[in-house]
Amino acid sequence: MEERIMLRNIFLLLVLLGAGQAMAAVQDVSVPGAATTLFDHAGEAFGSHFTDTWQINVDKAAVANSGVVSFTFGDIFGVGNFSLAVWDVVKSSYVAITPVVNSLDAAWQFVLPDAGRYDLLISGVVTGTQLGGSYIAGIVTAPIPEPEVYALIGVGLLTLLVSKRRRSQRIPTLQAA
């Protein structure tokens, strides 16, 4: 909660100091990794369209064929009509496209099909009348556990149960007469 208040104060300070130029921010995210960024569109006219980009680099050793991107909004001020798309830079094709959303509660997950470079494109419209707008977005990239991981967990649990059963059969217990 304190983080939201601090970020809100930082944004208001930027607006009051006259941060005027619009920018299409680019944020790099390693996999696995996480980032939170304030995208500032102060000074843009009402109805202006914008597109911001997160660059996601997935290497084969980290999450080949198993990357998940989770995206959430933190704070929205004077912007709306959000849509998201994941662009595969190598194949020059879209991996996923979302419909228009105007909710802080919105959260998306995209599965990245293989290693490579992806761009998460966030598009929207400035709805603030005079000061433009901004939003805070958070992204988490993480591997999906492979089937081998679940197999190892299962074998470990099975071994634990077998050893517990053997131990209970070997150790005599005191029983009331």
Protein backbone atom coordinates (compact mmCIF):
# COMPACT_ATOMS: atom_id res chain seq x y z
CA MET A 1 0.00 0.00 0.00
CA GLU A 2 2.83 2.40 0.87
CA GLU A 3 4.44 1.61 -2.49
CA ARG A 4 1.27 2.71 -4.31
CA ILE A 5 1.12 5.97 -2.35
CA MET A 6 4.81 6.66 -3.01
CA LEU A 7 4.43 5.94 -6.73
CA ARG A 8 1.35 8.17 -6.87
CA ASN A 9 3.32 10.97 -5.21
CA ILE A 10 6.21 10.53 -7.62
CA PHE A 11 3.84 10.77 -10.56
CA LEU A 12 2.21 13.93 -9.21
CA LEU A 13 5.66 15.44 -8.65
CA LEU A 14 6.58 14.72 -12.27
CA VAL A 15 3.37 16.32 -13.48
CA LEU A 16 3.89 19.39 -11.32
CA LEU A 17 7.48 19.76 -12.51
CA GLY A 18 6.21 19.91 -16.05
CA ALA A 19 7.26 16.56 -17.42
CA GLY A 20 5.89 17.19 -20.83
CA GLN A 21 7.18 14.93 -23.55
CA ALA A 22 5.41 11.70 -24.32
CA MET A 23 7.57 8.66 -24.52
CA ALA A 24 7.20 5.09 -25.63
CA ALA A 25 9.02 3.39 -22.80
CA VAL A 26 11.00 0.23 -23.39
CA GLN A 27 11.70 -2.08 -20.45
CA ASP A 28 13.94 -5.16 -20.61
CA VAL A 29 12.99 -8.21 -18.56
CA SER A 30 15.17 -11.28 -18.18
CA VAL A 31 13.64 -14.72 -17.76
CA PRO A 32 12.99 -15.63 -15.05
CA GLY A 33 12.57 -12.15 -13.64
CA ALA A 34 10.21 -9.40 -12.56
CA ALA A 35 9.85 -5.67 -13.11
CA THR A 36 7.52 -2.82 -12.27
CA THR A 37 7.56 0.36 -14.31
CA LEU A 38 5.77 3.70 -14.36
CA PHE A 39 4.79 4.55 -17.92
CA ASP A 40 4.31 8.32 -18.07
CA HIS A 41 2.28 9.99 -20.80
CA ALA A 42 2.08 13.42 -19.16
CA GLY A 43 1.33 16.31 -21.47
CA GLU A 44 -0.29 14.22 -24.18
CA ALA A 45 -3.59 15.44 -25.56
CA PHE A 46 -6.93 13.87 -24.68
CA GLY A 47 -7.61 10.98 -27.05
CA SER A 48 -3.96 10.42 -27.99
CA HIS A 49 -3.01 6.80 -28.61
CA PHE A 50 0.16 5.29 -27.17
CA THR A 51 2.06 2.01 -27.29
CA ASP A 52 4.65 0.98 -24.70
CA THR A 53 6.97 -1.99 -25.03
CA TRP A 54 8.47 -4.55 -22.66
CA GLN A 55 11.29 -6.53 -24.27
CA ILE A 56 11.41 -10.11 -22.98
CA ASN A 57 14.47 -12.21 -23.75
CA VAL A 58 14.07 -15.95 -23.22
CA ASP A 59 17.16 -18.14 -23.46
CA LYS A 60 17.02 -21.88 -24.11
CA ALA A 61 18.68 -22.81 -20.85
CA ALA A 62 16.15 -20.89 -18.77
CA VAL A 63 12.72 -21.70 -20.10
CA ALA A 64 12.78 -23.11 -23.60
CA ASN A 65 9.21 -24.12 -24.45
CA SER A 66 8.00 -23.18 -20.99
CA GLY A 67 7.95 -19.43 -20.35
CA VAL A 68 4.93 -17.75 -18.77
CA VAL A 69 4.42 -13.99 -18.69
CA SER A 70 2.06 -12.61 -16.02
CA PHE A 71 1.05 -8.97 -16.44
CA THR A 72 -0.91 -6.77 -14.00
CA PHE A 73 -1.77 -3.09 -13.66
CA GLY A 74 -0.83 -1.21 -10.52
CA ASP A 75 -2.17 2.33 -10.76
CA ILE A 76 -4.00 3.99 -13.64
CA PHE A 77 -4.31 7.77 -13.97
CA GLY A 78 -5.80 9.41 -17.04
CA VAL A 79 -5.33 6.49 -19.45
CA GLY A 80 -7.62 3.68 -20.55
CA ASN A 81 -8.76 1.37 -23.33
CA PHE A 82 -5.80 -0.93 -22.77
CA SER A 83 -4.98 -3.81 -25.07
CA LEU A 84 -1.99 -6.11 -24.92
CA ALA A 85 -0.18 -8.14 -27.53
CA VAL A 86 2.84 -10.41 -27.42
CA TRP A 87 4.99 -10.11 -30.55
CA ASP A 88 7.56 -12.76 -31.49
CA VAL A 89 10.43 -10.63 -32.83
CA VAL A 90 12.22 -13.54 -34.54
CA LYS A 91 9.16 -14.95 -36.33
CA SER A 92 7.50 -11.55 -36.87
CA SER A 93 4.14 -12.80 -35.65
CA TYR A 94 1.77 -12.30 -32.73
CA VAL A 95 1.78 -14.93 -29.99
CA ALA A 96 -1.25 -13.48 -28.17
CA ILE A 97 -3.61 -10.50 -28.40
CA THR A 98 -6.05 -9.34 -25.71
CA PRO A 99 -9.28 -7.39 -26.01
CA VAL A 100 -9.61 -3.82 -24.73
CA VAL A 101 -9.72 -3.61 -20.92
CA ASN A 102 -10.23 -0.72 -18.49
CA SER A 103 -9.85 -2.47 -15.14
CA LEU A 104 -7.17 -2.33 -12.47
CA ASP A 105 -8.09 -5.90 -11.60
CA ALA A 106 -7.08 -7.13 -15.04
CA ALA A 107 -4.30 -9.70 -15.13
CA TRP A 108 -3.07 -11.70 -18.09
CA GLN A 109 -0.88 -14.73 -18.62
CA PHE A 110 0.79 -15.59 -21.90
CA VAL A 111 2.70 -18.78 -22.62
CA LEU A 112 5.83 -18.19 -24.66
CA PRO A 113 6.19 -21.06 -27.14
CA ASP A 114 9.99 -21.22 -27.26
CA ALA A 115 13.23 -19.41 -26.58
CA GLY A 116 13.77 -16.08 -28.31
CA ARG A 117 12.97 -12.40 -28.08
CA TYR A 118 9.44 -11.17 -27.50
CA ASP A 119 7.88 -7.73 -27.17
CA LEU A 120 4.90 -7.18 -24.87
CA LEU A 121 3.06 -4.24 -26.46
CA ILE A 122 0.72 -2.21 -24.24
CA SER A 123 -1.57 0.12 -26.17
CA GLY A 124 -4.08 2.59 -24.84
CA VAL A 125 -5.67 6.01 -25.07
CA VAL A 126 -5.03 9.12 -22.95
CA THR A 127 -8.27 10.02 -21.15
CA GLY A 128 -6.86 12.76 -18.89
CA THR A 129 -8.18 16.11 -20.08
CA GLN A 130 -5.19 18.42 -19.47
CA LEU A 131 -2.37 16.62 -17.72
CA GLY A 132 -2.17 13.49 -19.87
CA GLY A 133 -1.88 10.29 -17.90
CA SER A 134 0.21 7.42 -16.61
CA TYR A 135 -0.03 3.86 -15.41
CA ILE A 136 2.07 1.45 -13.43
CA ALA A 137 2.47 -2.06 -14.75
CA GLY A 138 4.11 -5.14 -13.31
CA ILE A 139 5.41 -8.12 -15.20
CA VAL A 140 6.71 -11.49 -14.01
CA THR A 141 8.33 -14.04 -16.27
CA ALA A 142 8.80 -17.53 -14.90
CA PRO A 143 9.34 -21.06 -16.12
CA ILE A 144 6.55 -23.60 -16.13
CA PRO A 145 7.72 -26.69 -14.24
CA GLU A 146 8.55 -29.50 -16.65
CA PRO A 147 6.98 -32.97 -16.21
CA GLU A 148 10.33 -34.21 -14.88
CA VAL A 149 9.97 -31.87 -11.91
CA TYR A 150 6.59 -33.37 -11.02
CA ALA A 151 8.01 -36.89 -11.43
CA LEU A 152 10.85 -36.08 -9.02
CA ILE A 153 8.39 -34.64 -6.51
CA GLY A 154 6.23 -37.77 -6.79
CA VAL A 155 9.20 -40.11 -6.33
CA GLY A 156 10.34 -38.10 -3.31
CA LEU A 157 6.90 -38.26 -1.68
CA LEU A 158 6.60 -41.98 -2.40
CA THR A 159 10.03 -42.62 -0.85
CA LEU A 160 9.05 -40.60 2.20
CA LEU A 161 5.83 -42.60 2.67
CA VAL A 162 7.60 -45.96 2.24
CA SER A 163 10.34 -45.06 4.73
CA LYS A 164 7.77 -43.83 7.25
CA ARG A 165 5.77 -47.05 6.91
CA ARG A 166 8.88 -49.22 7.35
CA ARG A 167 9.96 -47.22 10.37
CA SER A 168 6.56 -47.57 12.02
CA GLN A 169 6.65 -51.35 11.50
CA ARG A 170 10.19 -51.69 12.98
CA ILE A 171 9.83 -49.51 16.06
CA PRO A 172 7.64 -51.03 18.76
CA THR A 173 5.19 -48.61 20.29
CA LEU A 174 3.99 -48.54 23.86
CA GLN A 175 0.37 -49.49 24.16
CA ALA A 176 -1.82 -49.26 27.18
CA ALA A 177 -2.61 -52.66 28.70
